[in-house]
Amino acid sequence: MLLSVFSLGGLVALWCGVSWAFDVRGITTRRSERIRRKNADTWAAAGRLDASPGVFATPGYLRFLGALMAFAGLVLLAASYALWHLN
């Protein structure tokens, strides 16, 4: 059971991480624009004219998170391989 959870988690993390890191089909740019618009709406509702200059809304930050997620997926796959060999 643990082996299948690690394998499935590793595959999902690897797939999502690679798609975020390499901006497959514009996922990262769309998400960063959505975050930026949400922050701008929140700040406008509070009476401020400028949007927040958040680093979390940049495509570079989301690509970095994608690279970390892909690495975590590889670690989970390596752990599942080790568990498989330990039986």
N, C-alpha and C. Protein backbone atom coordinates (compact mmCIF):
# COMPACT_ATOMS: atom_id res chain seq x y z
N MET A 1 0.83 -1.19 0.00
CA MET A 1 0.00 0.00 0.00
C MET A 1 0.87 1.25 0.00
N LEU A 2 1.88 1.29 0.86
CA LEU A 2 2.76 2.45 0.94
C LEU A 2 3.54 2.64 -0.36
N LEU A 3 3.90 1.54 -0.98
CA LEU A 3 4.62 1.61 -2.25
C LEU A 3 3.78 2.27 -3.33
N SER A 4 2.50 1.91 -3.39
CA SER A 4 1.63 2.51 -4.41
C SER A 4 1.37 3.99 -4.14
N VAL A 5 1.28 4.38 -2.87
CA VAL A 5 1.07 5.79 -2.52
C VAL A 5 2.30 6.61 -2.91
N PHE A 6 3.48 6.11 -2.61
CA PHE A 6 4.71 6.81 -2.98
C PHE A 6 4.85 6.90 -4.49
N SER A 7 4.55 5.81 -5.20
CA SER A 7 4.67 5.82 -6.66
C SER A 7 3.69 6.79 -7.29
N LEU A 8 2.44 6.72 -6.87
CA LEU A 8 1.43 7.61 -7.43
C LEU A 8 1.72 9.07 -7.07
N GLY A 9 2.09 9.33 -5.85
CA GLY A 9 2.45 10.68 -5.43
C GLY A 9 3.65 11.21 -6.19
N GLY A 10 4.63 10.36 -6.41
CA GLY A 10 5.82 10.76 -7.16
C GLY A 10 5.49 11.08 -8.61
N LEU A 11 4.65 10.26 -9.23
CA LEU A 11 4.28 10.52 -10.62
C LEU A 11 3.47 11.81 -10.77
N VAL A 12 2.54 12.03 -9.85
CA VAL A 12 1.73 13.25 -9.91
C VAL A 12 2.59 14.49 -9.66
N ALA A 13 3.46 14.43 -8.67
CA ALA A 13 4.34 15.56 -8.37
C ALA A 13 5.30 15.83 -9.52
N LEU A 14 5.82 14.78 -10.14
CA LEU A 14 6.71 14.95 -11.27
C LEU A 14 5.98 15.56 -12.46
N TRP A 15 4.79 15.07 -12.75
CA TRP A 15 4.02 15.59 -13.88
C TRP A 15 3.63 17.05 -13.67
N CYS A 16 3.11 17.37 -12.49
CA CYS A 16 2.72 18.76 -12.21
C CYS A 16 3.94 19.68 -12.17
N GLY A 17 5.00 19.22 -11.56
CA GLY A 17 6.20 20.04 -11.46
C GLY A 17 6.82 20.36 -12.81
N VAL A 18 6.89 19.36 -13.68
CA VAL A 18 7.46 19.59 -15.02
C VAL A 18 6.57 20.53 -15.82
N SER A 19 5.25 20.37 -15.70
CA SER A 19 4.36 21.25 -16.46
C SER A 19 4.43 22.69 -15.95
N TRP A 20 4.64 22.88 -14.64
CA TRP A 20 4.81 24.23 -14.11
C TRP A 20 6.18 24.79 -14.46
N ALA A 21 7.22 23.97 -14.34
CA ALA A 21 8.58 24.45 -14.56
C ALA A 21 8.82 24.85 -16.01
N PHE A 22 8.26 24.10 -16.95
CA PHE A 22 8.48 24.40 -18.36
C PHE A 22 7.31 25.14 -19.00
N ASP A 23 6.35 25.57 -18.19
CA ASP A 23 5.20 26.37 -18.64
C ASP A 23 4.46 25.71 -19.80
N VAL A 24 4.13 24.44 -19.60
CA VAL A 24 3.42 23.69 -20.62
C VAL A 24 2.02 24.29 -20.79
N ARG A 25 1.66 24.63 -21.99
CA ARG A 25 0.37 25.21 -22.36
C ARG A 25 0.06 26.49 -21.59
N GLY A 26 1.07 27.21 -21.14
CA GLY A 26 0.88 28.50 -20.48
C GLY A 26 0.28 28.42 -19.10
N ILE A 27 0.45 27.29 -18.43
CA ILE A 27 -0.13 27.11 -17.10
C ILE A 27 0.40 28.16 -16.12
N THR A 28 1.70 28.35 -16.12
CA THR A 28 2.32 29.24 -15.15
C THR A 28 1.94 30.70 -15.40
N THR A 29 1.95 31.11 -16.65
CA THR A 29 1.62 32.51 -16.94
C THR A 29 0.15 32.81 -16.64
N ARG A 30 -0.74 31.87 -16.94
CA ARG A 30 -2.16 32.08 -16.62
C ARG A 30 -2.37 32.15 -15.12
N ARG A 31 -1.71 31.27 -14.40
CA ARG A 31 -1.87 31.25 -12.94
C ARG A 31 -1.31 32.52 -12.31
N SER A 32 -0.16 32.99 -12.78
CA SER A 32 0.41 34.21 -12.22
C SER A 32 -0.48 35.42 -12.53
N GLU A 33 -1.07 35.45 -13.71
CA GLU A 33 -1.98 36.54 -14.05
C GLU A 33 -3.24 36.50 -13.17
N ARG A 34 -3.75 35.31 -12.91
CA ARG A 34 -4.92 35.16 -12.05
C ARG A 34 -4.60 35.62 -10.62
N ILE A 35 -3.42 35.28 -10.11
CA ILE A 35 -3.01 35.72 -8.77
C ILE A 35 -2.87 37.23 -8.73
N ARG A 36 -2.26 37.80 -9.79
CA ARG A 36 -2.07 39.25 -9.83
C ARG A 36 -3.41 39.98 -9.86
N ARG A 37 -4.36 39.47 -10.66
CA ARG A 37 -5.69 40.09 -10.73
C ARG A 37 -6.43 39.99 -9.40
N LYS A 38 -6.31 38.85 -8.75
CA LYS A 38 -6.96 38.67 -7.44
C LYS A 38 -6.38 39.64 -6.42
N ASN A 39 -5.06 39.80 -6.42
CA ASN A 39 -4.43 40.75 -5.51
C ASN A 39 -4.86 42.18 -5.82
N ALA A 40 -4.96 42.51 -7.10
CA ALA A 40 -5.38 43.86 -7.49
C ALA A 40 -6.82 44.12 -7.04
N ASP A 41 -7.69 43.14 -7.18
CA ASP A 41 -9.08 43.30 -6.74
C ASP A 41 -9.16 43.45 -5.22
N THR A 42 -8.36 42.68 -4.51
CA THR A 42 -8.34 42.76 -3.05
C THR A 42 -7.86 44.13 -2.59
N TRP A 43 -6.81 44.63 -3.24
CA TRP A 43 -6.28 45.93 -2.86
C TRP A 43 -7.24 47.04 -3.26
N ALA A 44 -7.93 46.90 -4.38
CA ALA A 44 -8.90 47.91 -4.80
C ALA A 44 -10.08 47.96 -3.83
N ALA A 45 -10.49 46.81 -3.33
CA ALA A 45 -11.59 46.77 -2.37
C ALA A 45 -11.20 47.44 -1.06
N ALA A 46 -9.91 47.43 -0.76
CA ALA A 46 -9.42 48.07 0.46
C ALA A 46 -9.16 49.56 0.26
N GLY A 47 -9.36 50.08 -0.95
CA GLY A 47 -9.19 51.49 -1.21
C GLY A 47 -7.82 51.88 -1.71
N ARG A 48 -6.97 50.95 -2.01
CA ARG A 48 -5.63 51.26 -2.53
C ARG A 48 -5.68 51.26 -4.05
N LEU A 49 -4.87 52.09 -4.66
CA LEU A 49 -4.92 52.21 -6.11
C LEU A 49 -4.00 51.24 -6.82
N ASP A 50 -2.88 50.93 -6.24
CA ASP A 50 -1.91 50.02 -6.87
C ASP A 50 -2.15 48.59 -6.42
N ALA A 51 -1.79 47.65 -7.29
CA ALA A 51 -1.83 46.24 -6.91
C ALA A 51 -0.62 45.93 -6.04
N SER A 52 -0.69 44.86 -5.33
CA SER A 52 0.43 44.50 -4.46
C SER A 52 1.62 44.05 -5.30
N PRO A 53 2.80 44.46 -4.92
CA PRO A 53 4.00 44.03 -5.67
C PRO A 53 4.51 42.69 -5.16
N GLY A 54 3.66 41.69 -5.13
CA GLY A 54 4.02 40.40 -4.55
C GLY A 54 4.92 39.58 -5.46
N VAL A 55 5.88 38.94 -4.84
CA VAL A 55 6.79 38.08 -5.59
C VAL A 55 6.11 36.75 -5.92
N PHE A 56 5.04 36.43 -5.20
CA PHE A 56 4.37 35.15 -5.40
C PHE A 56 3.53 35.12 -6.67
N ALA A 57 3.34 36.25 -7.30
CA ALA A 57 2.54 36.30 -8.52
C ALA A 57 3.39 36.30 -9.78
N THR A 58 4.69 36.15 -9.65
CA THR A 58 5.55 36.18 -10.83
C THR A 58 5.67 34.78 -11.43
N PRO A 59 5.76 34.72 -12.76
CA PRO A 59 5.94 33.40 -13.39
C PRO A 59 7.25 32.72 -12.99
N GLY A 60 8.28 33.49 -12.71
CA GLY A 60 9.55 32.91 -12.30
C GLY A 60 9.45 32.16 -10.98
N TYR A 61 8.70 32.72 -10.05
CA TYR A 61 8.52 32.06 -8.75
C TYR A 61 7.74 30.76 -8.92
N LEU A 62 6.70 30.79 -9.75
CA LEU A 62 5.91 29.58 -9.97
C LEU A 62 6.72 28.52 -10.72
N ARG A 63 7.60 28.94 -11.61
CA ARG A 63 8.48 27.97 -12.29
C ARG A 63 9.46 27.36 -11.31
N PHE A 64 9.95 28.17 -10.37
CA PHE A 64 10.83 27.65 -9.33
C PHE A 64 10.10 26.62 -8.47
N LEU A 65 8.85 26.91 -8.11
CA LEU A 65 8.06 25.94 -7.35
C LEU A 65 7.84 24.66 -8.16
N GLY A 66 7.65 24.81 -9.47
CA GLY A 66 7.50 23.64 -10.32
C GLY A 66 8.76 22.78 -10.34
N ALA A 67 9.91 23.43 -10.37
CA ALA A 67 11.17 22.68 -10.35
C ALA A 67 11.33 21.94 -9.02
N LEU A 68 10.96 22.60 -7.91
CA LEU A 68 11.02 21.93 -6.61
C LEU A 68 10.04 20.77 -6.54
N MET A 69 8.87 20.94 -7.13
CA MET A 69 7.87 19.88 -7.12
C MET A 69 8.34 18.69 -7.96
N ALA A 70 8.98 18.98 -9.10
CA ALA A 70 9.50 17.90 -9.93
C ALA A 70 10.60 17.13 -9.20
N PHE A 71 11.46 17.85 -8.49
CA PHE A 71 12.50 17.20 -7.71
C PHE A 71 11.90 16.33 -6.61
N ALA A 72 10.86 16.83 -5.95
CA ALA A 72 10.19 16.05 -4.90
C ALA A 72 9.55 14.79 -5.50
N GLY A 73 9.03 14.90 -6.72
CA GLY A 73 8.48 13.72 -7.39
C GLY A 73 9.55 12.68 -7.67
N LEU A 74 10.73 13.14 -8.09
CA LEU A 74 11.83 12.21 -8.32
C LEU A 74 12.27 11.53 -7.02
N VAL A 75 12.28 12.29 -5.93
CA VAL A 75 12.65 11.71 -4.63
C VAL A 75 11.62 10.67 -4.21
N LEU A 76 10.34 10.96 -4.41
CA LEU A 76 9.30 9.98 -4.06
C LEU A 76 9.41 8.73 -4.93
N LEU A 77 9.71 8.90 -6.20
CA LEU A 77 9.88 7.72 -7.07
C LEU A 77 11.10 6.91 -6.66
N ALA A 78 12.18 7.57 -6.27
CA ALA A 78 13.36 6.85 -5.79
C ALA A 78 13.05 6.11 -4.49
N ALA A 79 12.28 6.73 -3.62
CA ALA A 79 11.90 6.07 -2.37
C ALA A 79 11.00 4.86 -2.63
N SER A 80 10.10 4.98 -3.59
CA SER A 80 9.24 3.83 -3.91
C SER A 80 10.06 2.71 -4.54
N TYR A 81 11.06 3.07 -5.34
CA TYR A 81 11.94 2.05 -5.92
C TYR A 81 12.73 1.33 -4.81
N ALA A 82 13.21 2.10 -3.84
CA ALA A 82 13.95 1.51 -2.72
C ALA A 82 13.04 0.62 -1.89
N LEU A 83 11.81 1.06 -1.65
CA LEU A 83 10.86 0.23 -0.91
C LEU A 83 10.52 -1.04 -1.65
N TRP A 84 10.43 -0.96 -2.96
CA TRP A 84 10.12 -2.11 -3.78
C TRP A 84 11.24 -3.16 -3.67
N HIS A 85 12.49 -2.68 -3.66
CA HIS A 85 13.62 -3.61 -3.54
C HIS A 85 13.78 -4.17 -2.13
N LEU A 86 13.36 -3.41 -1.12
CA LEU A 86 13.43 -3.92 0.24
C LEU A 86 12.33 -4.93 0.53
N ASN A 87 11.28 -4.80 -0.22
CA ASN A 87 10.11 -5.68 -0.12
C ASN A 87 9.55 -5.62 1.26
